[in-house]
């Protein structure tokens, strides 16, 4: 899976009230033996585990693997330091 940062969306609060940051990413993989591209939003917080949101048609992809691919390329500390 290839991952590219599309844009910094801004600061967000999760349902616990923790302030974090949201980023849009483009993921490129294969689906039905053909190249497939989709977008996902990563939510990064200091004290809460990172999580993503995908479109319903992309829920079949392993979200933990997507998060890991993003954080391997863009470390959490780097993302949290972005756009201060």
Protein backbone atom coordinates (compact mmCIF):
# COMPACT_ATOMS: atom_id res chain seq x y z
CA UNK A 1 0.00 0.00 0.00
CA UNK A 2 1.28 3.43 -0.92
CA UNK A 3 0.25 6.47 1.12
CA UNK A 4 0.49 10.18 0.28
CA UNK A 5 -0.45 13.15 2.44
CA UNK A 6 -3.08 15.26 0.69
CA UNK A 7 -3.75 18.01 3.22
CA UNK A 8 -3.89 19.08 6.84
CA UNK A 9 -7.58 19.49 7.65
CA UNK A 10 -7.24 21.19 11.02
CA UNK A 11 -7.64 20.74 14.75
CA UNK A 12 -10.46 18.47 15.90
CA UNK A 13 -11.82 17.12 19.17
CA UNK A 14 -12.79 13.49 19.53
CA UNK A 15 -15.77 12.29 21.56
CA UNK A 16 -13.73 12.56 24.78
CA UNK A 17 -12.97 16.23 24.17
CA UNK A 18 -9.27 15.65 23.43
CA UNK A 19 -7.90 18.18 20.93
CA UNK A 20 -5.99 16.61 18.05
CA UNK A 21 -5.36 17.04 14.34
CA UNK A 22 -6.95 15.62 11.21
CA UNK A 23 -5.18 14.87 7.93
CA UNK A 24 -6.43 13.65 4.55
CA UNK A 25 -4.41 10.89 2.90
CA UNK A 26 -4.61 9.15 -0.46
CA UNK A 27 -4.08 5.39 -0.29
CA UNK A 28 -3.15 3.37 -3.35
CA UNK A 29 -3.56 -0.40 -3.33
CA UNK A 30 -5.20 -3.18 -5.36
CA UNK A 31 -8.83 -4.22 -5.35
CA UNK A 32 -10.20 -7.00 -7.55
CA UNK A 33 -6.73 -7.38 -9.11
CA UNK A 34 -6.70 -3.78 -10.36
CA UNK A 35 -5.09 -0.58 -9.05
CA UNK A 36 -7.38 1.20 -6.60
CA UNK A 37 -7.13 4.62 -4.95
CA UNK A 38 -9.17 5.92 -2.04
CA UNK A 39 -9.00 8.70 0.55
CA UNK A 40 -8.95 8.37 4.31
CA UNK A 41 -8.86 10.82 7.18
CA UNK A 42 -6.40 10.19 10.01
CA UNK A 43 -7.11 11.64 13.44
CA UNK A 44 -3.98 12.09 15.58
CA UNK A 45 -4.09 12.99 19.29
CA UNK A 46 -1.43 13.28 21.99
CA UNK A 47 -3.06 10.87 24.43
CA UNK A 48 -5.62 8.94 22.35
CA UNK A 49 -4.68 6.20 19.84
CA UNK A 50 -4.78 7.35 16.22
CA UNK A 51 -7.78 6.30 14.17
CA UNK A 52 -9.03 6.70 10.61
CA UNK A 53 -12.28 7.24 8.80
CA UNK A 54 -12.97 5.75 5.37
CA UNK A 55 -15.91 5.76 2.99
CA UNK A 56 -18.28 2.79 3.50
CA UNK A 57 -17.14 1.18 0.24
CA UNK A 58 -13.56 1.14 1.58
CA UNK A 59 -14.35 -0.42 4.97
CA UNK A 60 -13.10 -3.78 3.67
CA UNK A 61 -9.49 -2.60 3.98
CA UNK A 62 -7.64 -3.31 7.22
CA UNK A 63 -7.76 -0.01 9.11
CA UNK A 64 -4.90 -0.96 11.43
CA UNK A 65 -2.70 -1.67 8.40
CA UNK A 66 -3.63 1.71 6.88
CA UNK A 67 -2.79 3.53 10.12
CA UNK A 68 0.52 1.68 10.35
CA UNK A 69 1.38 2.53 6.72
CA UNK A 70 0.63 6.21 7.37
CA UNK A 71 2.60 6.39 10.62
CA UNK A 72 5.55 4.53 9.08
CA UNK A 73 5.84 7.26 6.45
CA UNK A 74 4.64 10.21 8.56
CA UNK A 75 5.55 9.71 12.27
CA UNK A 76 2.95 10.78 14.82
CA UNK A 77 5.31 13.34 16.36
CA UNK A 78 5.79 14.99 12.96
CA UNK A 79 2.06 15.13 12.32
CA UNK A 80 1.33 16.58 15.76
CA UNK A 81 3.96 19.30 15.15
CA UNK A 82 2.40 20.25 11.80
CA UNK A 83 0.56 23.56 11.42
CA UNK A 84 0.99 24.77 15.01
